N, C-alpha and C. Protein backbone atom coordinates (compact mmCIF):
# COMPACT_ATOMS: atom_id res chain seq x y z
N MET A 1 -89.83 -197.22 -137.68
CA MET A 1 -90.87 -196.28 -138.09
C MET A 1 -90.52 -195.76 -139.48
N PRO A 2 -91.44 -195.84 -140.40
CA PRO A 2 -91.15 -195.34 -141.75
C PRO A 2 -90.98 -193.82 -141.77
N PHE A 3 -90.26 -193.37 -142.76
CA PHE A 3 -89.99 -191.93 -142.88
C PHE A 3 -91.24 -191.13 -143.21
N GLU A 4 -92.23 -191.74 -143.85
CA GLU A 4 -93.45 -191.02 -144.19
C GLU A 4 -94.21 -190.60 -142.95
N SER A 5 -94.33 -191.49 -141.98
CA SER A 5 -95.06 -191.14 -140.76
C SER A 5 -94.28 -190.11 -139.93
N LEU A 6 -92.97 -190.18 -139.96
CA LEU A 6 -92.16 -189.19 -139.25
C LEU A 6 -92.32 -187.81 -139.89
N SER A 7 -92.40 -187.77 -141.20
CA SER A 7 -92.56 -186.48 -141.88
C SER A 7 -93.95 -185.88 -141.63
N LEU A 8 -94.92 -186.72 -141.27
CA LEU A 8 -96.25 -186.20 -140.93
C LEU A 8 -96.30 -185.67 -139.50
N TRP A 9 -95.58 -186.30 -138.60
CA TRP A 9 -95.63 -185.91 -137.19
C TRP A 9 -94.66 -184.78 -136.84
N LEU A 10 -93.62 -184.62 -137.61
CA LEU A 10 -92.60 -183.62 -137.29
C LEU A 10 -93.15 -182.19 -137.28
N PRO A 11 -93.92 -181.74 -138.26
CA PRO A 11 -94.47 -180.37 -138.18
C PRO A 11 -95.41 -180.18 -137.00
N TYR A 12 -96.18 -181.23 -136.68
CA TYR A 12 -97.10 -181.14 -135.54
C TYR A 12 -96.31 -180.99 -134.24
N LEU A 13 -95.29 -181.78 -134.06
CA LEU A 13 -94.48 -181.70 -132.85
C LEU A 13 -93.75 -180.37 -132.76
N ARG A 14 -93.26 -179.88 -133.89
CA ARG A 14 -92.55 -178.60 -133.89
C ARG A 14 -93.50 -177.46 -133.49
N ALA A 15 -94.73 -177.51 -133.96
CA ALA A 15 -95.70 -176.47 -133.62
C ALA A 15 -96.10 -176.55 -132.16
N ARG A 16 -96.18 -177.73 -131.60
CA ARG A 16 -96.58 -177.90 -130.20
C ARG A 16 -95.48 -177.47 -129.24
N VAL A 17 -94.22 -177.65 -129.61
CA VAL A 17 -93.10 -177.36 -128.73
C VAL A 17 -92.61 -175.92 -128.89
N SER A 18 -92.87 -175.32 -130.01
CA SER A 18 -92.36 -173.99 -130.31
C SER A 18 -92.93 -172.94 -129.36
N THR A 19 -92.08 -172.01 -128.95
CA THR A 19 -92.51 -170.91 -128.09
C THR A 19 -92.45 -169.57 -128.81
N ASP A 20 -92.33 -169.61 -130.12
CA ASP A 20 -92.23 -168.39 -130.92
C ASP A 20 -93.61 -167.74 -131.05
N GLU A 21 -93.77 -166.56 -130.47
CA GLU A 21 -95.03 -165.83 -130.56
C GLU A 21 -94.75 -164.51 -131.26
N ARG A 22 -94.95 -164.48 -132.55
CA ARG A 22 -94.61 -163.28 -133.32
C ARG A 22 -95.75 -162.28 -133.40
N GLY A 23 -96.98 -162.73 -133.46
CA GLY A 23 -98.10 -161.83 -133.65
C GLY A 23 -98.72 -161.38 -132.34
N ALA A 24 -99.41 -160.26 -132.40
CA ALA A 24 -100.12 -159.76 -131.23
C ALA A 24 -101.40 -160.56 -131.04
N SER A 25 -101.72 -160.82 -129.81
CA SER A 25 -102.92 -161.60 -129.54
C SER A 25 -104.13 -160.68 -129.43
N LEU A 26 -105.29 -161.29 -129.37
CA LEU A 26 -106.53 -160.54 -129.29
C LEU A 26 -106.59 -159.73 -128.00
N VAL A 27 -106.01 -160.26 -126.94
CA VAL A 27 -106.00 -159.54 -125.66
C VAL A 27 -105.22 -158.24 -125.78
N GLU A 28 -104.11 -158.26 -126.47
CA GLU A 28 -103.31 -157.04 -126.64
C GLU A 28 -104.07 -155.99 -127.44
N TYR A 29 -104.76 -156.43 -128.48
CA TYR A 29 -105.56 -155.49 -129.26
C TYR A 29 -106.71 -154.92 -128.43
N ALA A 30 -107.33 -155.74 -127.62
CA ALA A 30 -108.43 -155.27 -126.76
C ALA A 30 -107.92 -154.24 -125.75
N LEU A 31 -106.74 -154.47 -125.20
CA LEU A 31 -106.16 -153.49 -124.27
C LEU A 31 -105.85 -152.17 -124.97
N LEU A 32 -105.36 -152.23 -126.19
CA LEU A 32 -105.10 -150.99 -126.93
C LEU A 32 -106.38 -150.22 -127.21
N VAL A 33 -107.43 -150.92 -127.61
CA VAL A 33 -108.71 -150.26 -127.89
C VAL A 33 -109.27 -149.65 -126.61
N ALA A 34 -109.17 -150.36 -125.49
CA ALA A 34 -109.66 -149.83 -124.21
C ALA A 34 -108.87 -148.59 -123.80
N LEU A 35 -107.57 -148.61 -123.98
CA LEU A 35 -106.75 -147.44 -123.64
C LEU A 35 -107.10 -146.24 -124.51
N ILE A 36 -107.31 -146.45 -125.79
CA ILE A 36 -107.69 -145.36 -126.68
C ILE A 36 -109.06 -144.81 -126.29
N ALA A 37 -109.99 -145.68 -125.91
CA ALA A 37 -111.32 -145.23 -125.49
C ALA A 37 -111.23 -144.40 -124.22
N VAL A 38 -110.41 -144.80 -123.27
CA VAL A 38 -110.26 -144.03 -122.02
C VAL A 38 -109.66 -142.67 -122.31
N VAL A 39 -108.68 -142.61 -123.18
CA VAL A 39 -108.06 -141.31 -123.53
C VAL A 39 -109.08 -140.41 -124.21
N CYS A 40 -109.90 -140.96 -125.10
CA CYS A 40 -110.92 -140.15 -125.78
C CYS A 40 -111.96 -139.64 -124.79
N ILE A 41 -112.39 -140.47 -123.87
CA ILE A 41 -113.38 -140.05 -122.88
C ILE A 41 -112.82 -138.96 -121.98
N LEU A 42 -111.57 -139.11 -121.56
CA LEU A 42 -110.94 -138.07 -120.73
C LEU A 42 -110.80 -136.76 -121.50
N ALA A 43 -110.43 -136.82 -122.77
CA ALA A 43 -110.29 -135.60 -123.56
C ALA A 43 -111.64 -134.91 -123.73
N ILE A 44 -112.69 -135.68 -123.99
CA ILE A 44 -114.02 -135.08 -124.14
C ILE A 44 -114.49 -134.48 -122.83
N THR A 45 -114.18 -135.15 -121.72
CA THR A 45 -114.59 -134.64 -120.40
C THR A 45 -113.91 -133.31 -120.09
N PHE A 46 -112.60 -133.23 -120.32
CA PHE A 46 -111.88 -132.01 -119.99
C PHE A 46 -112.11 -130.89 -120.99
N LEU A 47 -112.25 -131.22 -122.25
CA LEU A 47 -112.43 -130.19 -123.26
C LEU A 47 -113.90 -129.90 -123.56
N GLY A 48 -114.78 -130.70 -123.02
CA GLY A 48 -116.20 -130.54 -123.31
C GLY A 48 -116.77 -129.25 -122.77
N SER A 49 -116.38 -128.86 -121.56
CA SER A 49 -116.92 -127.63 -120.98
C SER A 49 -116.43 -126.40 -121.74
N ALA A 50 -115.18 -126.41 -122.17
CA ALA A 50 -114.65 -125.29 -122.95
C ALA A 50 -115.37 -125.19 -124.30
N ALA A 51 -115.58 -126.32 -124.93
CA ALA A 51 -116.27 -126.32 -126.22
C ALA A 51 -117.72 -125.90 -126.05
N SER A 52 -118.35 -126.31 -124.98
CA SER A 52 -119.74 -125.93 -124.73
C SER A 52 -119.87 -124.43 -124.55
N SER A 53 -118.96 -123.81 -123.82
CA SER A 53 -119.03 -122.36 -123.62
C SER A 53 -118.78 -121.62 -124.94
N LYS A 54 -117.88 -122.13 -125.76
CA LYS A 54 -117.64 -121.50 -127.07
C LYS A 54 -118.89 -121.58 -127.95
N PHE A 55 -119.53 -122.75 -127.97
CA PHE A 55 -120.76 -122.89 -128.77
C PHE A 55 -121.87 -122.00 -128.24
N SER A 56 -121.94 -121.82 -126.94
CA SER A 56 -122.96 -120.94 -126.35
C SER A 56 -122.70 -119.48 -126.76
N THR A 57 -121.43 -119.09 -126.74
CA THR A 57 -121.07 -117.73 -127.13
C THR A 57 -121.41 -117.48 -128.61
N VAL A 58 -121.07 -118.43 -129.45
CA VAL A 58 -121.35 -118.28 -130.88
C VAL A 58 -122.87 -118.29 -131.11
N GLY A 59 -123.56 -119.17 -130.41
CA GLY A 59 -125.02 -119.26 -130.57
C GLY A 59 -125.72 -117.98 -130.14
N SER A 60 -125.29 -117.40 -129.03
CA SER A 60 -125.91 -116.15 -128.60
C SER A 60 -125.54 -114.99 -129.51
N GLY A 61 -124.35 -115.02 -130.11
CA GLY A 61 -123.95 -114.00 -131.05
C GLY A 61 -124.75 -114.07 -132.34
N VAL A 62 -125.09 -115.25 -132.79
CA VAL A 62 -125.89 -115.42 -133.99
C VAL A 62 -127.33 -115.01 -133.74
N ALA A 63 -127.82 -115.30 -132.54
CA ALA A 63 -129.22 -114.99 -132.21
C ALA A 63 -129.43 -113.47 -132.13
N ASN A 64 -128.44 -112.71 -131.78
CA ASN A 64 -128.60 -111.26 -131.64
C ASN A 64 -128.46 -110.59 -132.93
């Protein structure tokens, strides 16, 4: 086998056999976005009633 054909196949074989995964995959990014969304929804749910009462108090104070 000539060296030229070996030099063409060697990078392909190295990429196919390699198990080096350095970057984050799309699934990992999707999980991070989903976790951030859940945390934001929970924060709005728990703090929403307190914020609503504060806005009502300020609104009634301005109206008077």
